[in-house]
Amino acid sequence: MYARKVGDQVLDFGHRGWLYEESFMFYDYQTDSLWVQATGEAVHGHYKGTKLDRLPATQTTWSEWRQLHPETRVLSRPKNQNAKYWQDSFAANYATGTGVKYQRHKVLSFGLAVIAPAGQKLYPFKELEMQPALADRIGSDLVLVVFHPTSRTAVAWDPRYEGRTLEIGSAKLEKSDLILMDRQTGSTWSGLAGRCISGPAQGGQLKQLTSTQFVVENWPLHYPAAPIYHRNEKSPLEFR
């Protein structure tokens, strides 16, 4: 998800169904510049070379989101326009590996791309299935990645709270959440909401980092110098 404001101008966007290196493209009405969804960068037009600011966002199911945030209001559309959004129009491409430019002839896989100030890193879901809560670094930035396999929901948090770094001692999978225990204080945290639900820090909130779900096979096309996480790098619950 991106902010619409560039400098002092608020842009309005549309799309024509075009792709760039297997990524969706969109344009702004004001200058007709072309922007790449994967990076938020304009590759043609007045804003060429400009990047939109990313905003924290979570990609999940509606039922999962409603469990975590029951107070949420929904921006809806007329019912006669809903049917075309019930299914992902690219599902067949993901299932076969068939792209516009690249034909991979295999099922494509997904991961969580974390875009931190110090750099970017991709965490494949197949790795997160084995360790649904992991502590990591991207450059100098500490990152806590949480994955709920049932709903295929992944989020990334800054693990620092009130001047100290959480020490996650265990992770318990529940129907609609991954519950984390802080070894230092005994506080219990909602891994998907980043909120402390019991203990000394109850009511506390972690800062969500900018991230997005990303096709693993397309990652090198847009972030060729950025790494992909593998389990043998470090202990899953220890910052180093």
C-alpha atoms as a PDB file:
ATOM      1  CA  MET A   1       0.000   0.000   0.000  1.00  0.00           C
ATOM      2  CA  TYR A   2       1.301   3.429  -0.939  1.00  0.00           C
ATOM      3  CA  ALA A   3       0.645   7.040   0.009  1.00  0.00           C
ATOM      4  CA  ARG A   4      -0.877   9.092  -2.810  1.00  0.00           C
ATOM      5  CA  LYS A   5       1.007  12.283  -2.003  1.00  0.00           C
ATOM      6  CA  VAL A   6       4.206  13.149  -3.892  1.00  0.00           C
ATOM      7  CA  GLY A   7       5.717  16.395  -2.690  1.00  0.00           C
ATOM      8  CA  ASP A   8       2.799  18.803  -2.402  1.00  0.00           C
ATOM      9  CA  GLN A   9       0.625  17.002  -4.946  1.00  0.00           C
ATOM     10  CA  VAL A  10      -1.997  14.353  -4.179  1.00  0.00           C
ATOM     11  CA  LEU A  11      -2.247  11.933  -7.099  1.00  0.00           C
ATOM     12  CA  ASP A  12      -5.218   9.974  -8.399  1.00  0.00           C
ATOM     13  CA  PHE A  13      -4.475   6.556  -9.895  1.00  0.00           C
ATOM     14  CA  GLY A  14      -5.959   4.181 -12.429  1.00  0.00           C
ATOM     15  CA  HIS A  15      -4.813   1.113 -14.353  1.00  0.00           C
ATOM     16  CA  ARG A  16      -4.949  -0.294 -17.887  1.00  0.00           C
ATOM     17  CA  GLY A  17      -4.081  -3.922 -17.093  1.00  0.00           C
ATOM     18  CA  TRP A  18      -0.432  -3.567 -18.074  1.00  0.00           C
ATOM     19  CA  LEU A  19       2.413  -5.533 -16.476  1.00  0.00           C
ATOM     20  CA  TYR A  20       6.102  -4.723 -15.999  1.00  0.00           C
ATOM     21  CA  GLU A  21       8.437  -7.613 -15.111  1.00  0.00           C
ATOM     22  CA  GLU A  22       5.359  -9.611 -14.030  1.00  0.00           C
ATOM     23  CA  SER A  23       4.187  -6.773 -11.773  1.00  0.00           C
ATOM     24  CA  PHE A  24       0.959  -4.804 -12.038  1.00  0.00           C
ATOM     25  CA  MET A  25       1.333  -1.214 -13.300  1.00  0.00           C
ATOM     26  CA  PHE A  26      -0.779   1.850 -12.629  1.00  0.00           C
ATOM     27  CA  TYR A  27      -0.773   5.449 -13.828  1.00  0.00           C
ATOM     28  CA  ASP A  28      -1.606   8.797 -12.276  1.00  0.00           C
ATOM     29  CA  TYR A  29      -4.275  10.981 -13.858  1.00  0.00           C
ATOM     30  CA  GLN A  30      -2.319  14.172 -13.269  1.00  0.00           C
ATOM     31  CA  THR A  31       0.790  13.354 -15.386  1.00  0.00           C
ATOM     32  CA  ASP A  32       0.115   9.893 -16.902  1.00  0.00           C
ATOM     33  CA  SER A  33       3.342   8.629 -15.335  1.00  0.00           C
ATOM     34  CA  LEU A  34       3.560   4.825 -15.108  1.00  0.00           C
ATOM     35  CA  TRP A  35       4.229   3.249 -11.690  1.00  0.00           C
ATOM     36  CA  VAL A  36       5.251  -0.316 -10.780  1.00  0.00           C
ATOM     37  CA  GLN A  37       3.258  -1.923  -7.982  1.00  0.00           C
ATOM     38  CA  ALA A  38       6.160  -4.117  -6.790  1.00  0.00           C
ATOM     39  CA  THR A  39       8.424  -1.163  -5.996  1.00  0.00           C
ATOM     40  CA  GLY A  40       6.205   1.918  -5.998  1.00  0.00           C
ATOM     41  CA  GLU A  41       8.567   3.543  -8.489  1.00  0.00           C
ATOM     42  CA  ALA A  42       7.591   5.456 -11.614  1.00  0.00           C
ATOM     43  CA  VAL A  43       9.353   4.070 -14.692  1.00  0.00           C
ATOM     44  CA  HIS A  44       7.942   6.437 -17.290  1.00  0.00           C
ATOM     45  CA  GLY A  45       6.710   9.993 -17.482  1.00  0.00           C
ATOM     46  CA  HIS A  46       7.020  13.135 -15.395  1.00  0.00           C
ATOM     47  CA  TYR A  47       7.701  11.257 -12.150  1.00  0.00           C
ATOM     48  CA  LYS A  48      10.180   8.732 -13.595  1.00  0.00           C
ATOM     49  CA  GLY A  49      12.600   7.661 -10.837  1.00  0.00           C
ATOM     50  CA  THR A  50      10.272   8.842  -8.038  1.00  0.00           C
ATOM     51  CA  LYS A  51       9.130   6.331  -5.408  1.00  0.00           C
ATOM     52  CA  LEU A  52       5.851   6.508  -3.536  1.00  0.00           C
ATOM     53  CA  ASP A  53       6.000   6.268   0.259  1.00  0.00           C
ATOM     54  CA  ARG A  54       4.890   2.865   1.551  1.00  0.00           C
ATOM     55  CA  LEU A  55       2.297   2.490   4.298  1.00  0.00           C
ATOM     56  CA  PRO A  56       2.017  -0.462   6.707  1.00  0.00           C
ATOM     57  CA  ALA A  57      -0.677  -2.923   5.589  1.00  0.00           C
ATOM     58  CA  THR A  58      -1.798  -6.490   6.293  1.00  0.00           C
ATOM     59  CA  GLN A  59      -3.039  -8.898   3.630  1.00  0.00           C
ATOM     60  CA  THR A  60      -5.388 -11.447   5.171  1.00  0.00           C
ATOM     61  CA  THR A  61      -8.907 -12.870   4.983  1.00  0.00           C
ATOM     62  CA  TRP A  62     -11.897 -10.799   6.012  1.00  0.00           C
ATOM     63  CA  SER A  63     -12.852 -13.301   8.712  1.00  0.00           C
ATOM     64  CA  GLU A  64      -9.346 -13.207  10.185  1.00  0.00           C
ATOM     65  CA  TRP A  65      -9.239  -9.404  10.142  1.00  0.00           C
ATOM     66  CA  ARG A  66     -12.678  -9.145  11.745  1.00  0.00           C
ATOM     67  CA  GLN A  67     -11.583 -11.415  14.610  1.00  0.00           C
ATOM     68  CA  LEU A  68      -8.567  -9.206  15.324  1.00  0.00           C
ATOM     69  CA  HIS A  69     -10.226  -5.841  14.667  1.00  0.00           C
ATOM     70  CA  PRO A  70     -13.991  -6.168  15.252  1.00  0.00           C
ATOM     71  CA  GLU A  71     -14.438  -2.383  15.251  1.00  0.00           C
ATOM     72  CA  THR A  72     -13.345  -2.104  11.600  1.00  0.00           C
ATOM     73  CA  ARG A  73     -15.520  -0.218   9.136  1.00  0.00           C
ATOM     74  CA  VAL A  74     -15.557  -1.324   5.496  1.00  0.00           C
ATOM     75  CA  LEU A  75     -15.492   0.855   2.384  1.00  0.00           C
ATOM     76  CA  SER A  76     -17.915  -1.106   0.223  1.00  0.00           C
ATOM     77  CA  ARG A  77     -19.081  -0.948  -3.384  1.00  0.00           C
ATOM     78  CA  PRO A  78     -22.495  -1.578  -5.010  1.00  0.00           C
ATOM     79  CA  LYS A  79     -23.443  -5.255  -4.728  1.00  0.00           C
ATOM     80  CA  ASN A  80     -23.703  -5.655  -8.516  1.00  0.00           C
ATOM     81  CA  GLN A  81     -19.965  -4.904  -8.751  1.00  0.00           C
ATOM     82  CA  ASN A  82     -18.821  -7.412  -6.129  1.00  0.00           C
ATOM     83  CA  ALA A  83     -18.768 -10.642  -8.173  1.00  0.00           C
ATOM     84  CA  LYS A  84     -15.634  -9.835 -10.152  1.00  0.00           C
ATOM     85  CA  TYR A  85     -13.681  -9.405  -6.902  1.00  0.00           C
ATOM     86  CA  TRP A  86     -14.579 -12.804  -5.426  1.00  0.00           C
ATOM     87  CA  GLN A  87     -11.610 -14.474  -7.131  1.00  0.00           C
ATOM     88  CA  ASP A  88      -8.045 -13.457  -7.930  1.00  0.00           C
ATOM     89  CA  SER A  89      -7.833 -12.937 -11.687  1.00  0.00           C
ATOM     90  CA  PHE A  90      -4.183 -14.032 -11.578  1.00  0.00           C
ATOM     91  CA  ALA A  91      -4.870 -17.330  -9.753  1.00  0.00           C
ATOM     92  CA  ALA A  92      -4.311 -19.388 -12.914  1.00  0.00           C
ATOM     93  CA  ASN A  93      -0.945 -17.695 -13.464  1.00  0.00           C
ATOM     94  CA  TYR A  94       0.159 -18.521  -9.921  1.00  0.00           C
ATOM     95  CA  ALA A  95      -0.967 -22.145 -10.292  1.00  0.00           C
ATOM     96  CA  THR A  96       0.871 -22.762 -13.568  1.00  0.00           C
ATOM     97  CA  GLY A  97       3.803 -20.351 -13.438  1.00  0.00           C
ATOM     98  CA  THR A  98       2.652 -18.828 -16.715  1.00  0.00           C
ATOM     99  CA  GLY A  99       3.562 -15.177 -16.980  1.00  0.00           C
ATOM    100  CA  VAL A 100       3.668 -12.534 -19.678  1.00  0.00           C
ATOM    101  CA  LYS A 101       7.469 -12.569 -19.973  1.00  0.00           C
ATOM    102  CA  TYR A 102       8.567 -15.614 -17.944  1.00  0.00           C
ATOM    103  CA  GLN A 103       7.242 -19.173 -18.255  1.00  0.00           C
ATOM    104  CA  ARG A 104       8.304 -21.099 -15.147  1.00  0.00           C
ATOM    105  CA  HIS A 105       6.067 -24.173 -15.547  1.00  0.00           C
ATOM    106  CA  LYS A 106       5.591 -24.673 -11.816  1.00  0.00           C
ATOM    107  CA  VAL A 107       3.380 -23.426  -9.025  1.00  0.00           C
ATOM    108  CA  LEU A 108       4.556 -19.997  -7.875  1.00  0.00           C
ATOM    109  CA  SER A 109       5.165 -19.425  -4.178  1.00  0.00           C
ATOM    110  CA  PHE A 110       4.578 -16.444  -1.914  1.00  0.00           C
ATOM    111  CA  GLY A 111       6.403 -14.751   0.911  1.00  0.00           C
ATOM    112  CA  LEU A 112       6.393 -11.595   3.005  1.00  0.00           C
ATOM    113  CA  ALA A 113       8.551  -8.811   1.604  1.00  0.00           C
ATOM    114  CA  VAL A 114       9.680  -6.534   4.434  1.00  0.00           C
ATOM    115  CA  ILE A 115      10.721  -3.061   3.323  1.00  0.00           C
ATOM    116  CA  ALA A 116      12.760  -1.603   6.178  1.00  0.00           C
ATOM    117  CA  PRO A 117      14.668   1.712   6.233  1.00  0.00           C
ATOM    118  CA  ALA A 118      17.977  -0.186   6.089  1.00  0.00           C
ATOM    119  CA  GLY A 119      16.975  -2.499   3.224  1.00  0.00           C
ATOM    120  CA  GLN A 120      14.594  -5.173   1.974  1.00  0.00           C
ATOM    121  CA  LYS A 121      14.275  -8.916   2.626  1.00  0.00           C
ATOM    122  CA  LEU A 122      11.865 -11.624   1.536  1.00  0.00           C
ATOM    123  CA  TYR A 123      10.587 -14.295   3.942  1.00  0.00           C
ATOM    124  CA  PRO A 124       9.076 -17.234   1.968  1.00  0.00           C
ATOM    125  CA  PHE A 125       5.959 -18.743   3.491  1.00  0.00           C
ATOM    126  CA  LYS A 126       7.507 -22.224   3.196  1.00  0.00           C
ATOM    127  CA  GLU A 127      10.213 -21.029   5.609  1.00  0.00           C
ATOM    128  CA  LEU A 128       7.718 -19.344   7.926  1.00  0.00           C
ATOM    129  CA  GLU A 129       5.629 -22.511   8.104  1.00  0.00           C
ATOM    130  CA  MET A 130       8.553 -24.108   9.959  1.00  0.00           C
ATOM    131  CA  GLN A 131       9.111 -21.119  12.264  1.00  0.00           C
ATOM    132  CA  PRO A 132       6.047 -18.866  12.424  1.00  0.00           C
ATOM    133  CA  ALA A 133       7.724 -16.309  14.716  1.00  0.00           C
ATOM    134  CA  LEU A 134      11.275 -15.287  13.923  1.00  0.00           C
ATOM    135  CA  ALA A 135      13.630 -12.553  15.009  1.00  0.00           C
ATOM    136  CA  ASP A 136      15.894 -11.145  12.341  1.00  0.00           C
ATOM    137  CA  ARG A 137      17.842  -8.104  11.203  1.00  0.00           C
ATOM    138  CA  ILE A 138      17.657  -6.224   7.936  1.00  0.00           C
ATOM    139  CA  GLY A 139      20.857  -4.227   7.990  1.00  0.00           C
ATOM    140  CA  SER A 140      20.752  -2.414  11.308  1.00  0.00           C
ATOM    141  CA  ASP A 141      16.965  -2.761  11.693  1.00  0.00           C
ATOM    142  CA  LEU A 142      15.489  -5.363  14.057  1.00  0.00           C
ATOM    143  CA  VAL A 143      12.522  -7.246  12.629  1.00  0.00           C
ATOM    144  CA  LEU A 144       9.983  -9.601  14.193  1.00  0.00           C
ATOM    145  CA  VAL A 145       8.153 -11.610  11.513  1.00  0.00           C
ATOM    146  CA  VAL A 146       4.960 -13.456  12.441  1.00  0.00           C
ATOM    147  CA  PHE A 147       3.083 -15.967  10.258  1.00  0.00           C
ATOM    148  CA  HIS A 148      -0.338 -17.542  10.792  1.00  0.00           C
ATOM    149  CA  PRO A 149      -0.369 -20.581   8.472  1.00  0.00           C
ATOM    150  CA  THR A 150      -4.113 -21.259   8.645  1.00  0.00           C
ATOM    151  CA  SER A 151      -5.065 -17.886   7.158  1.00  0.00           C
ATOM    152  CA  ARG A 152      -1.747 -17.378   5.301  1.00  0.00           C
ATOM    153  CA  THR A 153      -1.325 -14.071   7.107  1.00  0.00           C
ATOM    154  CA  ALA A 154       2.145 -12.630   7.661  1.00  0.00           C
ATOM    155  CA  VAL A 155       3.133  -9.357   9.354  1.00  0.00           C
ATOM    156  CA  ALA A 156       6.353  -7.687  10.453  1.00  0.00           C
ATOM    157  CA  TRP A 157       6.896  -5.640  13.614  1.00  0.00           C
ATOM    158  CA  ASP A 158       9.570  -3.501  15.171  1.00  0.00           C
ATOM    159  CA  PRO A 159      10.212  -5.654  18.293  1.00  0.00           C
ATOM    160  CA  ARG A 160      11.184  -2.699  20.482  1.00  0.00           C
ATOM    161  CA  TYR A 161       8.728  -1.493  23.113  1.00  0.00           C
ATOM    162  CA  GLU A 162       9.359   1.297  25.617  1.00  0.00           C
ATOM    163  CA  GLY A 163      13.104   1.269  25.097  1.00  0.00           C
ATOM    164  CA  ARG A 164      13.764  -2.490  25.174  1.00  0.00           C
ATOM    165  CA  THR A 165      13.621  -5.347  22.705  1.00  0.00           C
ATOM    166  CA  LEU A 166      11.116  -8.115  23.304  1.00  0.00           C
ATOM    167  CA  GLU A 167      12.548 -11.566  23.984  1.00  0.00           C
ATOM    168  CA  ILE A 168      10.036 -13.985  22.513  1.00  0.00           C
ATOM    169  CA  GLY A 169      10.182 -17.250  24.416  1.00  0.00           C
ATOM    170  CA  SER A 170       7.379 -19.219  22.777  1.00  0.00           C
ATOM    171  CA  ALA A 171       4.749 -18.985  20.066  1.00  0.00           C
ATOM    172  CA  LYS A 172       1.340 -20.668  20.340  1.00  0.00           C
ATOM    173  CA  LEU A 173      -0.820 -21.123  17.253  1.00  0.00           C
ATOM    174  CA  GLU A 174      -4.506 -20.377  17.798  1.00  0.00           C
ATOM    175  CA  LYS A 175      -7.445 -20.374  15.402  1.00  0.00           C
ATOM    176  CA  SER A 176      -7.167 -16.703  14.538  1.00  0.00           C
ATOM    177  CA  ASP A 177      -3.820 -15.614  15.966  1.00  0.00           C
ATOM    178  CA  LEU A 178      -0.263 -16.532  16.949  1.00  0.00           C
ATOM    179  CA  ILE A 179       0.255 -15.799  20.654  1.00  0.00           C
ATOM    180  CA  LEU A 180       3.750 -14.691  21.693  1.00  0.00           C
ATOM    181  CA  MET A 181       5.269 -14.723  25.192  1.00  0.00           C
ATOM    182  CA  ASP A 182       7.890 -12.154  26.231  1.00  0.00           C
ATOM    183  CA  ARG A 183      10.497 -13.883  28.412  1.00  0.00           C
ATOM    184  CA  GLN A 184      11.549 -10.692  30.219  1.00  0.00           C
ATOM    185  CA  THR A 185       8.182  -9.628  31.583  1.00  0.00           C
ATOM    186  CA  GLY A 186       5.880 -12.594  31.007  1.00  0.00           C
ATOM    187  CA  SER A 187       3.603 -10.398  28.916  1.00  0.00           C
ATOM    188  CA  THR A 188       1.552 -12.068  26.212  1.00  0.00           C
ATOM    189  CA  TRP A 189       1.264 -10.491  22.773  1.00  0.00           C
ATOM    190  CA  SER A 190      -1.019 -10.968  19.785  1.00  0.00           C
ATOM    191  CA  GLY A 191       1.394 -11.772  16.983  1.00  0.00           C
ATOM    192  CA  LEU A 192      -0.964 -10.645  14.220  1.00  0.00           C
ATOM    193  CA  ALA A 193      -2.194  -7.450  15.881  1.00  0.00           C
ATOM    194  CA  GLY A 194       1.100  -6.526  17.593  1.00  0.00           C
ATOM    195  CA  ARG A 195      -0.837  -5.757  20.762  1.00  0.00           C
ATOM    196  CA  CYS A 196      -0.059  -6.867  24.314  1.00  0.00           C
ATOM    197  CA  ILE A 197      -3.097  -8.720  25.627  1.00  0.00           C
ATOM    198  CA  SER A 198      -1.941  -9.582  29.165  1.00  0.00           C
ATOM    199  CA  GLY A 199       0.880  -8.918  31.615  1.00  0.00           C
ATOM    200  CA  PRO A 200       2.799  -5.786  32.662  1.00  0.00           C
ATOM    201  CA  ALA A 201       2.740  -4.341  29.143  1.00  0.00           C
ATOM    202  CA  GLN A 202      -0.998  -4.951  28.611  1.00  0.00           C
ATOM    203  CA  GLY A 203      -2.428  -2.490  26.096  1.00  0.00           C
ATOM    204  CA  GLY A 204       0.978  -1.821  24.555  1.00  0.00           C
ATOM    205  CA  GLN A 205       1.282  -1.715  20.770  1.00  0.00           C
ATOM    206  CA  LEU A 206       4.239  -2.608  18.555  1.00  0.00           C
ATOM    207  CA  LYS A 207       4.997  -0.546  15.462  1.00  0.00           C
ATOM    208  CA  GLN A 208       4.122  -2.351  12.248  1.00  0.00           C
ATOM    209  CA  LEU A 209       6.778  -2.331   9.543  1.00  0.00           C
ATOM    210  CA  THR A 210       5.968  -1.844   5.886  1.00  0.00           C
ATOM    211  CA  SER A 211       5.573  -5.149   4.103  1.00  0.00           C
ATOM    212  CA  THR A 212       3.650  -6.847   1.327  1.00  0.00           C
ATOM    213  CA  GLN A 213       3.027 -10.347   0.052  1.00  0.00           C
ATOM    214  CA  PHE A 214       5.305 -11.052  -2.895  1.00  0.00           C
ATOM    215  CA  VAL A 215       5.818 -13.844  -5.446  1.00  0.00           C
ATOM    216  CA  VAL A 216       9.137 -15.417  -4.458  1.00  0.00           C
ATOM    217  CA  GLU A 217      10.134 -16.183  -8.047  1.00  0.00           C
ATOM    218  CA  ASN A 218       9.626 -12.518  -9.033  1.00  0.00           C
ATOM    219  CA  TRP A 219      11.634 -11.067  -6.135  1.00  0.00           C
ATOM    220  CA  PRO A 220      14.984 -10.912  -8.033  1.00  0.00           C
ATOM    221  CA  LEU A 221      13.310  -9.054 -10.895  1.00  0.00           C
ATOM    222  CA  HIS A 222      12.586  -6.051  -8.684  1.00  0.00           C
ATOM    223  CA  TYR A 223      15.053  -6.373  -5.776  1.00  0.00           C
ATOM    224  CA  PRO A 224      18.077  -8.154  -7.316  1.00  0.00           C
ATOM    225  CA  ALA A 225      20.433  -7.227  -4.467  1.00  0.00           C
ATOM    226  CA  ALA A 226      18.013  -8.000  -1.619  1.00  0.00           C
ATOM    227  CA  PRO A 227      18.295 -11.379   0.168  1.00  0.00           C
ATOM    228  CA  ILE A 228      15.754 -14.162   0.652  1.00  0.00           C
ATOM    229  CA  TYR A 229      15.591 -15.623   4.159  1.00  0.00           C
ATOM    230  CA  HIS A 230      16.581 -19.251   4.806  1.00  0.00           C
ATOM    231  CA  ARG A 231      16.162 -21.050   8.136  1.00  0.00           C
ATOM    232  CA  ASN A 232      19.834 -21.887   8.621  1.00  0.00           C
ATOM    233  CA  GLU A 233      20.702 -18.209   9.102  1.00  0.00           C
ATOM    234  CA  LYS A 234      20.003 -18.077  12.859  1.00  0.00           C
ATOM    235  CA  SER A 235      17.805 -19.207  15.724  1.00  0.00           C
ATOM    236  CA  PRO A 236      14.154 -18.266  14.961  1.00  0.00           C
ATOM    237  CA  LEU A 237      13.579 -16.351  18.196  1.00  0.00           C
ATOM    238  CA  GLU A 238      16.872 -14.648  18.825  1.00  0.00           C
ATOM    239  CA  PHE A 239      18.036 -11.230  17.628  1.00  0.00           C
ATOM    240  CA  ARG A 240      21.720 -11.058  16.723  1.00  0.00           C
END
